[in-house]
Amino acid sequence: IAVMALDKQLLFAGPKSPYQDFQSVIDAIESGKSVNVSGSKGDDEAVYAALLAEMGWTEDQLVYVRHDATSDAITTALGGHSELVIGKPAATSSYV
């Protein structure tokens, strides 16, 4: 009747991002910097909310930039306009 799959979101760093590992993101936020992350509507945004809750961060510390599609979020990172991207491997594999 249907093909079903579970595809978990990953956090990607753009090529121009100063944050090439998650520890550098943690260090930046703990030092008072604001870090931005792009993603699409729906699941990506839910993962972002869960990440905030898990880390005890606010929306001002890790700022979410919502896009209509993951491809738009990836394009902003490739262009250096976004530091991080939340996305599923299936939606991002053709870009990385």
N, C-alpha and C. Protein backbone atom coordinates (compact mmCIF):
# COMPACT_ATOMS: atom_id res chain seq x y z
N ILE A 1 0.83 -1.19 0.00
CA ILE A 1 0.00 0.00 0.00
C ILE A 1 0.87 1.25 0.00
N ALA A 2 1.96 1.22 0.77
CA ALA A 2 2.81 2.41 0.88
C ALA A 2 4.24 2.02 1.19
N VAL A 3 5.15 2.84 0.77
CA VAL A 3 6.54 2.69 1.15
C VAL A 3 6.81 3.70 2.25
N MET A 4 7.32 3.23 3.38
CA MET A 4 7.55 4.13 4.50
C MET A 4 9.01 4.08 4.89
N ALA A 5 9.55 5.20 5.28
CA ALA A 5 10.94 5.26 5.71
C ALA A 5 11.07 6.32 6.81
N LEU A 6 12.06 6.14 7.63
CA LEU A 6 12.37 7.10 8.67
C LEU A 6 13.73 7.71 8.34
N ASP A 7 13.74 8.98 8.14
CA ASP A 7 14.96 9.68 7.75
C ASP A 7 15.21 10.77 8.78
N LYS A 8 16.26 10.64 9.56
CA LYS A 8 16.55 11.60 10.63
C LYS A 8 17.24 12.84 10.09
N GLN A 9 16.98 13.96 10.72
CA GLN A 9 17.62 15.21 10.34
C GLN A 9 19.06 15.22 10.81
N LEU A 10 19.89 15.90 10.02
CA LEU A 10 21.28 16.13 10.37
C LEU A 10 21.51 17.63 10.39
N LEU A 11 22.57 18.04 11.06
CA LEU A 11 22.96 19.44 11.09
C LEU A 11 24.20 19.58 10.21
N PHE A 12 24.07 20.39 9.16
CA PHE A 12 25.16 20.59 8.20
C PHE A 12 25.75 21.98 8.39
N ALA A 13 27.06 22.09 8.21
CA ALA A 13 27.74 23.39 8.23
C ALA A 13 27.98 23.82 6.79
N GLY A 14 27.71 25.08 6.51
CA GLY A 14 28.00 25.61 5.18
C GLY A 14 29.51 25.72 4.99
N PRO A 15 29.97 25.75 3.75
CA PRO A 15 31.41 25.81 3.49
C PRO A 15 32.08 27.08 4.01
N LYS A 16 31.31 28.15 4.19
CA LYS A 16 31.86 29.40 4.70
C LYS A 16 31.57 29.59 6.19
N SER A 17 30.93 28.61 6.81
CA SER A 17 30.57 28.71 8.22
C SER A 17 31.80 28.60 9.11
N PRO A 18 31.86 29.43 10.14
CA PRO A 18 32.96 29.30 11.11
C PRO A 18 32.77 28.08 12.03
N TYR A 19 31.62 27.43 11.93
CA TYR A 19 31.29 26.31 12.80
C TYR A 19 31.33 25.00 12.02
N GLN A 20 32.46 24.31 12.06
CA GLN A 20 32.61 23.08 11.30
C GLN A 20 32.42 21.84 12.16
N ASP A 21 32.13 22.03 13.44
CA ASP A 21 31.75 20.92 14.32
C ASP A 21 30.79 21.46 15.38
N PHE A 22 30.09 20.56 16.03
CA PHE A 22 29.04 21.00 16.96
C PHE A 22 29.63 21.66 18.20
N GLN A 23 30.82 21.24 18.62
CA GLN A 23 31.45 21.85 19.79
C GLN A 23 31.69 23.34 19.55
N SER A 24 32.05 23.71 18.33
CA SER A 24 32.27 25.14 18.04
C SER A 24 30.97 25.93 18.11
N VAL A 25 29.86 25.30 17.78
CA VAL A 25 28.54 25.94 17.92
C VAL A 25 28.25 26.16 19.40
N ILE A 26 28.45 25.13 20.19
CA ILE A 26 28.23 25.23 21.64
C ILE A 26 29.10 26.33 22.24
N ASP A 27 30.38 26.33 21.88
CA ASP A 27 31.31 27.34 22.41
C ASP A 27 30.89 28.75 22.03
N ALA A 28 30.45 28.94 20.79
CA ALA A 28 30.03 30.26 20.32
C ALA A 28 28.82 30.75 21.10
N ILE A 29 27.84 29.89 21.25
CA ILE A 29 26.63 30.29 21.98
C ILE A 29 26.93 30.56 23.44
N GLU A 30 27.76 29.72 24.05
CA GLU A 30 28.12 29.93 25.46
C GLU A 30 28.94 31.20 25.66
N SER A 31 29.62 31.68 24.61
CA SER A 31 30.39 32.91 24.72
C SER A 31 29.55 34.15 24.40
N GLY A 32 28.26 33.94 24.11
CA GLY A 32 27.36 35.06 23.89
C GLY A 32 27.05 35.37 22.44
N LYS A 33 27.59 34.59 21.52
CA LYS A 33 27.31 34.83 20.11
C LYS A 33 25.97 34.23 19.72
N SER A 34 25.37 34.77 18.68
CA SER A 34 24.14 34.23 18.10
C SER A 34 24.52 33.46 16.84
N VAL A 35 24.00 32.26 16.70
CA VAL A 35 24.28 31.39 15.56
C VAL A 35 22.98 31.19 14.80
N ASN A 36 23.03 31.22 13.46
CA ASN A 36 21.80 30.99 12.70
C ASN A 36 21.82 29.64 12.02
N VAL A 37 20.63 29.07 11.93
CA VAL A 37 20.44 27.77 11.28
C VAL A 37 19.22 27.87 10.37
N SER A 38 19.36 27.38 9.16
CA SER A 38 18.25 27.38 8.20
C SER A 38 17.65 26.00 8.09
N GLY A 39 16.39 25.96 7.73
CA GLY A 39 15.70 24.70 7.52
C GLY A 39 14.36 24.96 6.87
N SER A 40 13.66 23.88 6.58
CA SER A 40 12.34 24.03 5.97
C SER A 40 11.26 23.97 7.04
N LYS A 41 10.03 24.09 6.57
CA LYS A 41 8.88 24.00 7.48
C LYS A 41 8.70 22.55 7.92
N GLY A 42 7.96 22.35 8.97
CA GLY A 42 7.59 21.00 9.38
C GLY A 42 8.62 20.33 10.26
N ASP A 43 9.11 19.16 9.81
CA ASP A 43 10.02 18.34 10.62
C ASP A 43 11.28 19.09 11.03
N ASP A 44 11.87 19.82 10.12
CA ASP A 44 13.11 20.54 10.44
C ASP A 44 12.88 21.51 11.58
N GLU A 45 11.77 22.19 11.54
CA GLU A 45 11.45 23.16 12.59
C GLU A 45 11.19 22.47 13.93
N ALA A 46 10.58 21.30 13.89
CA ALA A 46 10.35 20.53 15.11
C ALA A 46 11.68 20.06 15.71
N VAL A 47 12.61 19.65 14.86
CA VAL A 47 13.93 19.24 15.33
C VAL A 47 14.66 20.43 15.95
N TYR A 48 14.54 21.59 15.33
CA TYR A 48 15.12 22.82 15.88
C TYR A 48 14.57 23.09 17.28
N ALA A 49 13.27 22.99 17.45
CA ALA A 49 12.65 23.23 18.77
C ALA A 49 13.15 22.22 19.79
N ALA A 50 13.28 20.97 19.38
CA ALA A 50 13.80 19.94 20.28
C ALA A 50 15.26 20.21 20.65
N LEU A 51 16.04 20.69 19.69
CA LEU A 51 17.44 21.03 19.95
C LEU A 51 17.53 22.16 20.97
N LEU A 52 16.71 23.19 20.81
CA LEU A 52 16.69 24.29 21.78
C LEU A 52 16.38 23.77 23.18
N ALA A 53 15.35 22.94 23.26
CA ALA A 53 14.94 22.40 24.56
C ALA A 53 16.04 21.54 25.18
N GLU A 54 16.65 20.70 24.39
CA GLU A 54 17.70 19.80 24.88
C GLU A 54 18.92 20.57 25.37
N MET A 55 19.30 21.61 24.64
CA MET A 55 20.51 22.37 24.98
C MET A 55 20.24 23.51 25.96
N GLY A 56 18.97 23.86 26.18
CA GLY A 56 18.64 24.96 27.08
C GLY A 56 18.91 26.32 26.45
N TRP A 57 18.86 26.39 25.12
CA TRP A 57 19.12 27.63 24.39
C TRP A 57 17.81 28.35 24.09
N THR A 58 17.93 29.62 23.76
CA THR A 58 16.77 30.41 23.36
C THR A 58 16.80 30.62 21.84
N GLU A 59 15.70 31.11 21.31
CA GLU A 59 15.61 31.42 19.88
C GLU A 59 16.51 32.58 19.49
N ASP A 60 16.94 33.36 20.46
CA ASP A 60 17.89 34.45 20.18
C ASP A 60 19.32 33.93 20.10
N GLN A 61 19.60 32.83 20.76
CA GLN A 61 20.94 32.26 20.72
C GLN A 61 21.16 31.42 19.46
N LEU A 62 20.19 30.61 19.12
CA LEU A 62 20.22 29.81 17.90
C LEU A 62 19.00 30.23 17.09
N VAL A 63 19.22 31.07 16.11
CA VAL A 63 18.14 31.69 15.34
C VAL A 63 17.76 30.80 14.16
N TYR A 64 16.46 30.51 14.02
CA TYR A 64 15.97 29.66 12.93
C TYR A 64 15.46 30.50 11.78
N VAL A 65 15.95 30.20 10.58
CA VAL A 65 15.49 30.87 9.37
C VAL A 65 14.69 29.85 8.57
N ARG A 66 13.38 30.06 8.48
CA ARG A 66 12.46 29.11 7.84
C ARG A 66 12.42 29.33 6.32
N HIS A 67 12.51 28.23 5.59
CA HIS A 67 12.40 28.26 4.13
C HIS A 67 11.28 27.31 3.70
N ASP A 68 10.81 27.49 2.48
CA ASP A 68 9.76 26.62 1.97
C ASP A 68 10.27 25.22 1.65
N ALA A 69 11.56 25.11 1.36
CA ALA A 69 12.14 23.81 1.00
C ALA A 69 13.56 23.71 1.53
N THR A 70 14.00 22.49 1.76
CA THR A 70 15.37 22.27 2.23
C THR A 70 16.37 22.78 1.21
N SER A 71 16.05 22.66 -0.07
CA SER A 71 16.98 23.15 -1.10
C SER A 71 17.24 24.64 -0.95
N ASP A 72 16.23 25.41 -0.55
CA ASP A 72 16.42 26.84 -0.32
C ASP A 72 17.35 27.08 0.87
N ALA A 73 17.17 26.29 1.93
CA ALA A 73 18.02 26.42 3.11
C ALA A 73 19.47 26.10 2.77
N ILE A 74 19.68 25.06 1.98
CA ILE A 74 21.04 24.67 1.58
C ILE A 74 21.66 25.75 0.71
N THR A 75 20.88 26.32 -0.19
CA THR A 75 21.39 27.37 -1.06
C THR A 75 21.89 28.56 -0.24
N THR A 76 21.19 28.91 0.83
CA THR A 76 21.64 30.03 1.67
C THR A 76 22.97 29.70 2.34
N ALA A 77 23.15 28.45 2.74
CA ALA A 77 24.43 28.05 3.36
C ALA A 77 25.55 28.04 2.34
N LEU A 78 25.28 27.53 1.15
CA LEU A 78 26.30 27.50 0.10
C LEU A 78 26.72 28.91 -0.30
N GLY A 79 25.79 29.86 -0.21
CA GLY A 79 26.09 31.24 -0.53
C GLY A 79 26.68 32.03 0.63
N GLY A 80 26.82 31.38 1.78
CA GLY A 80 27.40 32.05 2.94
C GLY A 80 26.44 32.91 3.74
N HIS A 81 25.13 32.76 3.48
CA HIS A 81 24.14 33.58 4.18
C HIS A 81 23.59 32.89 5.42
N SER A 82 23.85 31.61 5.54
CA SER A 82 23.41 30.83 6.70
C SER A 82 24.60 30.01 7.18
N GLU A 83 24.74 29.89 8.48
CA GLU A 83 25.89 29.17 9.04
C GLU A 83 25.66 27.67 9.10
N LEU A 84 24.43 27.28 9.40
CA LEU A 84 24.09 25.87 9.55
C LEU A 84 22.77 25.57 8.85
N VAL A 85 22.56 24.30 8.54
CA VAL A 85 21.31 23.85 7.92
C VAL A 85 20.85 22.58 8.62
N ILE A 86 19.58 22.52 8.95
CA ILE A 86 18.96 21.28 9.43
C ILE A 86 18.28 20.65 8.23
N GLY A 87 18.55 19.38 7.98
CA GLY A 87 17.91 18.71 6.86
C GLY A 87 18.05 17.21 6.93
N LYS A 88 17.19 16.55 6.19
CA LYS A 88 17.23 15.08 6.08
C LYS A 88 18.25 14.69 5.02
N PRO A 89 18.94 13.59 5.22
CA PRO A 89 19.91 13.13 4.21
C PRO A 89 19.31 12.99 2.81
N ALA A 90 18.10 12.49 2.71
CA ALA A 90 17.49 12.30 1.39
C ALA A 90 17.27 13.62 0.67
N ALA A 91 17.02 14.68 1.42
CA ALA A 91 16.77 15.98 0.82
C ALA A 91 18.06 16.77 0.58
N THR A 92 19.14 16.35 1.20
CA THR A 92 20.38 17.12 1.12
C THR A 92 21.51 16.44 0.39
N SER A 93 21.42 15.15 0.18
CA SER A 93 22.55 14.39 -0.36
C SER A 93 23.03 14.88 -1.72
N SER A 94 22.15 15.40 -2.54
CA SER A 94 22.58 15.86 -3.85
C SER A 94 23.36 17.18 -3.78
N TYR A 95 23.37 17.83 -2.60
CA TYR A 95 24.06 19.11 -2.45
C TYR A 95 25.40 18.98 -1.74
N VAL A 96 25.62 17.87 -1.07
CA VAL A 96 26.87 17.71 -0.29
C VAL A 96 27.74 16.61 -0.86
